[in-house]
Protein backbone atom coordinates (compact mmCIF):
# COMPACT_ATOMS: atom_id res chain seq x y z
CA MET A 1 0.00 0.00 0.00
CA ASN A 2 1.58 3.25 -1.15
CA THR A 3 0.99 6.08 1.34
CA ASN A 4 3.12 8.79 -0.30
CA ARG A 5 0.21 10.65 -1.88
CA ASP A 6 -1.82 10.72 1.32
CA LEU A 7 1.27 11.63 3.36
CA ASN A 8 2.22 14.53 1.12
CA TYR A 9 -1.36 15.84 1.12
CA ARG A 10 -1.63 15.73 4.89
CA LEU A 11 1.75 17.39 5.36
CA PHE A 12 0.58 20.12 2.96
CA LEU A 13 -2.58 20.64 5.03
CA HIS A 14 -0.50 20.82 8.21
CA ARG A 15 1.65 23.58 6.69
CA GLU A 16 -1.39 25.47 5.42
CA GLU A 17 -3.16 25.25 8.78
CA GLY A 18 -0.02 25.99 10.81
CA PHE A 19 -0.38 22.69 12.64
CA LYS A 20 2.58 21.73 14.84
CA ARG A 21 2.84 18.41 16.61
CA THR A 22 3.87 18.19 20.23
CA SER A 23 7.65 17.68 20.21
CA PHE A 24 9.03 14.23 20.91
CA ASN A 25 11.05 15.55 23.87
CA THR A 26 7.97 17.13 25.46
CA GLU A 27 5.91 13.97 25.01
CA PHE A 28 8.57 11.67 26.43
CA SER A 29 9.32 14.10 29.23
CA ARG A 30 5.72 13.61 30.41
CA TYR A 31 6.10 9.83 30.24
CA SER A 32 9.37 10.20 32.15
CA ASP A 33 7.64 12.21 34.89
CA VAL A 34 5.23 9.31 35.37
CA SER A 35 7.92 6.62 35.31
CA MET A 36 10.06 8.61 37.76
CA GLY A 37 7.12 8.82 40.19
CA ASN A 38 7.09 12.61 40.04
CA VAL A 39 3.47 12.86 41.23
CA GLU A 40 3.27 16.64 41.58
CA LYS A 41 4.71 17.21 38.10
CA VAL A 42 2.27 14.67 36.65
CA LYS A 43 -0.63 16.56 38.30
CA GLN A 44 0.66 19.82 36.86
CA ASN A 45 1.12 18.33 33.39
CA PHE A 46 -2.44 17.00 33.38
CA ILE A 47 -3.89 20.38 34.43
CA GLU A 48 -1.98 22.02 31.58
CA ILE A 49 -3.23 19.65 28.86
CA LYS A 50 -6.70 18.79 30.21
CA ASN A 51 -8.60 21.57 28.45
CA ASN A 52 -6.60 21.39 25.22
CA PHE A 53 -5.93 17.68 25.11
CA LEU A 54 -5.82 17.35 21.31
CA GLU A 55 -3.51 20.32 20.75
CA GLY A 56 -0.43 19.13 18.89
CA LYS A 57 -1.92 15.69 18.25
CA GLY A 58 -2.79 14.15 14.91
CA ILE A 59 -6.22 13.04 13.75
CA LEU A 60 -6.58 9.28 14.25
CA SER A 61 -10.34 9.26 13.57
CA ASP A 62 -12.88 11.70 12.17
CA ASP A 63 -15.08 10.83 15.15
CA HIS A 64 -14.09 13.16 18.01
CA VAL A 65 -14.64 10.69 20.88
CA ARG A 66 -12.88 7.87 19.05
CA ASN A 67 -9.98 10.20 18.23
CA VAL A 68 -9.53 11.06 21.93
CA ARG A 69 -9.89 7.37 22.88
CA TYR A 70 -7.15 6.29 20.45
CA HIS A 71 -4.71 8.92 21.75
CA ILE A 72 -5.32 7.91 25.37
CA ILE A 73 -4.86 4.22 24.56
CA ILE A 74 -1.52 5.04 22.92
CA ALA A 75 -0.47 7.10 25.96
CA THR A 76 -1.44 4.25 28.29
CA ALA A 77 0.62 1.74 26.31
CA MET A 78 3.65 4.04 26.21
CA ILE A 79 3.47 4.88 29.93
CA SER A 80 3.18 1.23 30.93
CA ARG A 81 6.31 0.40 28.95
CA ALA A 82 8.21 3.39 30.35
CA CYS A 83 7.32 2.23 33.87
CA VAL A 84 8.50 -1.33 33.16
CA GLU A 85 11.85 0.05 32.06
CA ALA A 86 11.98 2.18 35.22
CA GLY A 87 11.42 -0.78 37.54
CA MET A 88 7.70 -1.63 37.69
CA PRO A 89 7.04 -5.39 37.47
CA HIS A 90 6.13 -6.38 33.92
CA ASP A 91 2.86 -8.10 34.87
CA THR A 92 1.72 -5.19 37.06
CA ALA A 93 2.34 -2.56 34.39
CA TYR A 94 0.70 -4.45 31.54
CA THR A 95 -2.30 -5.52 33.64
CA LEU A 96 -2.84 -1.89 34.72
CA SER A 97 -2.59 -0.91 31.06
CA ASP A 98 -5.26 -3.50 30.19
CA ILE A 99 -7.56 -2.17 32.93
CA TYR A 100 -7.37 1.44 31.73
CA ILE A 101 -7.69 0.54 28.05
CA GLN A 102 -10.83 -1.48 28.86
CA ARG A 103 -12.21 1.53 30.75
CA CYS A 104 -11.52 3.68 27.70
CA ASP A 105 -13.29 1.13 25.51
CA ILE A 106 -16.60 1.50 27.35
CA CYS A 107 -16.43 5.26 27.93
CA ASP A 108 -18.47 7.21 25.37
CA THR A 109 -17.58 10.86 26.14
CA ALA A 110 -14.43 12.82 25.45
CA ASP A 111 -14.47 14.42 28.91
CA GLY A 112 -14.83 11.02 30.54
CA LEU A 113 -11.91 9.66 28.54
CA ILE A 114 -9.70 12.56 29.57
CA GLU A 115 -10.61 11.94 33.22
CA ILE A 116 -9.53 8.32 32.75
CA LEU A 117 -6.21 9.61 31.41
CA GLY A 118 -5.71 11.65 34.58
CA PHE A 119 -6.50 8.69 36.83
CA MET A 120 -4.23 6.42 34.79
CA GLU A 121 -1.24 8.78 34.91
CA MET A 122 -1.61 9.35 38.65
CA ASP A 123 -2.03 5.63 39.33
CA PHE A 124 1.17 4.77 37.50
CA ALA A 125 3.03 7.76 38.98
CA GLU A 126 2.05 6.94 42.57
CA ARG A 127 3.06 3.31 42.13
CA MET A 128 6.40 4.36 40.64
CA ARG A 129 6.95 6.82 43.51
CA ASP A 130 6.52 3.94 45.97
CA ILE A 131 8.90 1.77 43.95
CA LYS A 132 11.52 4.53 43.93
CA LYS A 133 11.11 5.10 47.68
CA ASN A 134 11.64 1.43 48.35
CA ALA A 135 14.86 1.63 46.37
CA ALA A 136 16.11 3.77 49.30
CA VAL A 137 18.19 6.30 47.42
CA SER A 138 18.90 9.70 48.90
CA ILE A 139 17.19 12.92 47.86
CA HIS A 140 20.41 14.05 46.15
CA ILE A 141 20.54 10.99 43.91
CA ARG A 142 16.82 11.12 43.15
CA LYS A 143 17.13 14.74 42.10
CA CYS A 144 20.29 13.92 40.17
CA ILE A 145 18.50 11.22 38.15
CA GLU A 146 15.48 13.48 37.59
CA TYR A 147 17.86 16.16 36.29
CA MET A 148 19.36 13.66 33.85
CA TYR A 149 15.95 12.80 32.39
CA ASP A 150 14.91 16.45 32.17
CA HIS A 151 18.10 17.56 30.37
CA LEU A 152 18.94 14.62 28.09
CA GLN A 153 19.44 16.88 25.08
CA GLU A 154 22.10 18.91 26.91
CA LYS A 155 25.67 18.24 27.94
CA ILE A 156 25.40 16.76 31.43
CA THR A 157 28.37 16.34 33.78
CA VAL A 158 28.88 15.60 37.46
CA TYR A 159 29.94 19.23 37.83
CA SER A 160 26.84 20.70 36.17
CA VAL A 161 24.49 18.53 38.26
CA ALA A 162 26.44 19.20 41.46
CA GLN A 163 26.16 22.90 40.78
CA TYR A 164 22.39 22.50 40.30
CA LEU A 165 22.13 20.53 43.57
CA LYS A 166 24.54 22.93 45.34
CA ILE A 167 26.79 20.11 46.57
CA ASN A 168 30.42 19.13 46.04
CA PRO A 169 30.95 17.22 42.73
CA THR A 170 33.37 14.74 44.31
CA TYR A 171 30.85 13.97 47.04
CA LEU A 172 28.09 13.55 44.43
CA SER A 173 30.25 11.22 42.34
CA LYS A 174 31.06 8.96 45.31
CA LEU A 175 27.47 9.01 46.59
CA PHE A 176 26.17 8.10 43.14
CA VAL A 177 28.37 5.00 42.92
CA LYS A 178 27.48 4.01 46.48
CA GLU A 179 23.71 4.21 45.95
CA THR A 180 23.31 3.08 42.34
CA GLY A 181 26.22 0.68 42.04
CA THR A 182 27.52 2.38 38.91
CA CYS A 183 29.33 5.58 38.03
CA PHE A 184 27.58 8.79 36.99
CA LYS A 185 28.71 8.65 33.35
CA ALA A 186 27.72 5.01 32.82
CA TYR A 187 24.30 5.60 34.39
CA LEU A 188 23.69 8.60 32.13
CA ILE A 189 24.71 6.63 29.04
CA ASN A 190 22.33 3.83 29.99
CA ILE A 191 19.46 6.31 30.39
CA ARG A 192 20.18 7.79 26.97
CA ILE A 193 20.38 4.38 25.36
CA ASP A 194 17.13 3.26 27.03
CA VAL A 195 15.36 6.35 25.69
CA ALA A 196 16.97 5.78 22.27
CA LYS A 197 15.56 2.24 22.25
CA ASN A 198 12.06 3.67 22.78
CA MET A 199 12.57 6.20 20.00
CA LEU A 200 13.78 3.46 17.64
CA LYS A 201 10.85 1.19 18.52
CA TYR A 202 8.02 3.68 18.69
CA SER A 203 8.93 6.43 16.22
CA ASP A 204 10.42 6.88 12.77
CA TYR A 205 12.94 9.52 13.88
CA SER A 206 16.26 9.38 12.03
CA TYR A 207 19.48 8.47 13.84
CA LEU A 208 20.56 12.10 13.54
CA ASP A 209 17.34 13.34 15.17
CA ILE A 210 17.75 10.83 17.99
CA SER A 211 21.39 11.72 18.55
CA LEU A 212 20.57 15.44 18.75
CA SER A 213 17.58 14.84 21.04
CA LEU A 214 19.70 12.83 23.48
CA GLY A 215 22.76 15.04 23.71
CA PHE A 216 25.22 12.99 21.65
CA SER A 217 27.97 15.00 19.95
CA SER A 218 27.20 13.46 16.54
CA GLN A 219 25.24 10.73 14.79
CA SER A 220 28.37 8.57 14.57
CA ALA A 221 28.98 8.98 18.32
CA PHE A 222 25.41 7.86 19.02
CA ILE A 223 25.73 4.80 16.79
CA SER A 224 29.10 3.88 18.36
CA VAL A 225 27.81 4.15 21.95
CA PHE A 226 24.55 2.35 21.11
CA LYS A 227 26.47 -0.57 19.60
CA LYS A 228 28.86 -0.71 22.55
CA VAL A 229 26.00 -0.88 25.09
CA THR A 230 23.55 -3.14 23.22
CA GLY A 231 25.85 -5.16 20.99
CA MET A 232 24.01 -4.09 17.85
CA THR A 233 23.64 -1.01 15.64
CA PRO A 234 20.53 1.18 15.89
CA GLY A 235 19.50 -0.06 12.45
CA ARG A 236 19.62 -3.69 13.48
CA TYR A 237 17.82 -2.91 16.75
CA ARG A 238 15.01 -1.13 14.90
CA LYS A 239 14.65 -4.06 12.48
CA GLU A 240 14.54 -6.67 15.24
CA TYR A 241 12.20 -4.89 17.65
CA CYS A 242 9.82 -2.89 15.45
C-alpha cells in the first residue's frame, strides 16, 4: 500500500493550517515524569493539557470521541512500557494498562476519557513513587536522576548537576556510585540508550534526530555508543524490535 500521496497531502494541510505536533522531547518528558514517580509534576502536566488535550496531536479518527480514545490508549501503552523500564514489574504494568484501556473502551464521552487519562497517569506515577522510595536512594541521587531525564538533550556532567544541587561534585560522584552501584557517566549513558531504544521502537525519527535529542555529539557517536552498550547497531535494533 503506497501512502506517499496521502502523506504529502496531509503534510501540505499541516503547513497550510499551521499545525505543529507536540515535540518528541515534550511527550517523552511527560512519560518520564510518570515513570520517575514525580506525582506533583504529573498533576501539573495534566492540568496544563486537560482543556486542550488534542492540541499538537494528529487526527486518528474523524469521530471526536474515538480520536480522543485512540490517543489515550496510545499514551497508556507508552506509559506502561516506560514504567517497566523504570522498575515496575512487567505483569503489574501491563495488567494496569489492560484495565485502563478497557475503561476507555466502554467510555463514550471525550471528557470522561480525559478523566480516565488523569486517573491512569496518577495511578502509574504513585506506584512508581513507591517503587523509587523502596529503592532507598537519597534525595540528592533522586534529584540527580530526575535532572538527567529532564536535560537529556544537553551536555550533562557531574559538575553541572552538582552545581544544580549545590553540593560538592566529588561527594556527588562517590554518593552516586554508592547508591546506584555504577558511576555517573555510565548511568547517564544507559538512560540515553534506554530512551533511544524507545525512539527506535516507537517512532520513525532518524538516527541524527535521535542523537541530537539525546545530547550525543554526533550521529556517529550515538551509533558507536549504542552498539557498545547493546551489541548491535541502531538499524539492526530497529529491524529486530519494530
